[in-house]
Amino acid sequence: MDDDDSEYREAAQQAARATRCAWSTLAWTTGALGCTLLALALLCTAAAVACLYVVVASHY
């Protein structure tokens, strides 16, 4: 009976470790992806503003 309990506890601990690792990986990936998308949006906005400036400046 003690062997079954210790195996159950070990399995539960392994599952808890795997869950924490998965959540940590998901949080890191989501954060990195969010930062990348934000940087890309800022670069695209800067490029659009620069193009608009060039177009407007070339008419005057």
C-alpha atoms as a PDB file:
ATOM      1  CA  MET A   1       0.000   0.000   0.000  1.00  0.00           C
ATOM      2  CA  ASP A   2       2.851   2.376   0.811  1.00  0.00           C
ATOM      3  CA  ASP A   3       4.410   1.662  -2.593  1.00  0.00           C
ATOM      4  CA  ASP A   4       1.161   2.629  -4.309  1.00  0.00           C
ATOM      5  CA  ASP A   5       0.944   5.843  -2.285  1.00  0.00           C
ATOM      6  CA  SER A   6       4.545   6.804  -2.993  1.00  0.00           C
ATOM      7  CA  GLU A   7       4.096   6.075  -6.713  1.00  0.00           C
ATOM      8  CA  TYR A   8       0.927   8.172  -6.729  1.00  0.00           C
ATOM      9  CA  ARG A   9       2.702  11.049  -4.945  1.00  0.00           C
ATOM     10  CA  GLU A  10       5.626  10.857  -7.359  1.00  0.00           C
ATOM     11  CA  ALA A  11       3.294  10.871 -10.366  1.00  0.00           C
ATOM     12  CA  ALA A  12       1.386  13.840  -8.929  1.00  0.00           C
ATOM     13  CA  GLN A  13       4.628  15.742  -8.346  1.00  0.00           C
ATOM     14  CA  GLN A  14       5.818  15.025 -11.876  1.00  0.00           C
ATOM     15  CA  ALA A  15       2.491  16.207 -13.271  1.00  0.00           C
ATOM     16  CA  ALA A  16       2.701  19.389 -11.200  1.00  0.00           C
ATOM     17  CA  ARG A  17       6.265  20.050 -12.435  1.00  0.00           C
ATOM     18  CA  ALA A  18       5.221  19.454 -16.042  1.00  0.00           C
ATOM     19  CA  THR A  19       2.254  21.802 -15.631  1.00  0.00           C
ATOM     20  CA  ARG A  20       4.430  24.558 -14.132  1.00  0.00           C
ATOM     21  CA  CYS A  21       6.967  24.126 -16.925  1.00  0.00           C
ATOM     22  CA  ALA A  22       4.239  24.293 -19.576  1.00  0.00           C
ATOM     23  CA  TRP A  23       2.723  27.459 -18.082  1.00  0.00           C
ATOM     24  CA  SER A  24       6.149  29.061 -17.790  1.00  0.00           C
ATOM     25  CA  THR A  25       6.953  28.236 -21.409  1.00  0.00           C
ATOM     26  CA  LEU A  26       3.573  29.517 -22.563  1.00  0.00           C
ATOM     27  CA  ALA A  27       3.984  32.767 -20.636  1.00  0.00           C
ATOM     28  CA  TRP A  28       7.489  33.344 -22.003  1.00  0.00           C
ATOM     29  CA  THR A  29       6.434  32.557 -25.581  1.00  0.00           C
ATOM     30  CA  THR A  30       3.375  34.792 -25.350  1.00  0.00           C
ATOM     31  CA  GLY A  31       5.454  37.630 -23.930  1.00  0.00           C
ATOM     32  CA  ALA A  32       8.138  37.286 -26.593  1.00  0.00           C
ATOM     33  CA  LEU A  33       5.540  37.106 -29.350  1.00  0.00           C
ATOM     34  CA  GLY A  34       3.725  40.137 -27.949  1.00  0.00           C
ATOM     35  CA  CYS A  35       6.943  42.164 -27.831  1.00  0.00           C
ATOM     36  CA  THR A  36       7.803  41.134 -31.376  1.00  0.00           C
ATOM     37  CA  LEU A  37       4.375  42.110 -32.680  1.00  0.00           C
ATOM     38  CA  LEU A  38       4.512  45.432 -30.832  1.00  0.00           C
ATOM     39  CA  ALA A  39       7.943  46.209 -32.291  1.00  0.00           C
ATOM     40  CA  LEU A  40       6.725  45.266 -35.767  1.00  0.00           C
ATOM     41  CA  ALA A  41       3.666  47.511 -35.393  1.00  0.00           C
ATOM     42  CA  LEU A  42       5.841  50.420 -34.277  1.00  0.00           C
ATOM     43  CA  LEU A  43       8.228  49.917 -37.218  1.00  0.00           C
ATOM     44  CA  CYS A  44       5.338  49.752 -39.688  1.00  0.00           C
ATOM     45  CA  THR A  45       3.814  52.897 -38.209  1.00  0.00           C
ATOM     46  CA  ALA A  46       7.147  54.719 -38.439  1.00  0.00           C
ATOM     47  CA  ALA A  47       7.554  53.591 -42.061  1.00  0.00           C
ATOM     48  CA  ALA A  48       4.023  54.734 -42.940  1.00  0.00           C
ATOM     49  CA  VAL A  49       4.606  58.139 -41.341  1.00  0.00           C
ATOM     50  CA  ALA A  50       7.920  58.503 -43.188  1.00  0.00           C
ATOM     51  CA  CYS A  51       6.297  57.606 -46.517  1.00  0.00           C
ATOM     52  CA  LEU A  52       3.464  60.048 -45.891  1.00  0.00           C
ATOM     53  CA  TYR A  53       5.975  62.747 -45.050  1.00  0.00           C
ATOM     54  CA  VAL A  54       7.908  62.085 -48.275  1.00  0.00           C
ATOM     55  CA  VAL A  55       4.738  62.164 -50.366  1.00  0.00           C
ATOM     56  CA  VAL A  56       3.495  65.383 -48.791  1.00  0.00           C
ATOM     57  CA  ALA A  57       6.919  67.032 -48.943  1.00  0.00           C
ATOM     58  CA  SER A  58       7.354  66.159 -52.616  1.00  0.00           C
ATOM     59  CA  HIS A  59       4.170  68.087 -53.498  1.00  0.00           C
ATOM     60  CA  TYR A  60       5.486  71.326 -51.997  1.00  0.00           C
END
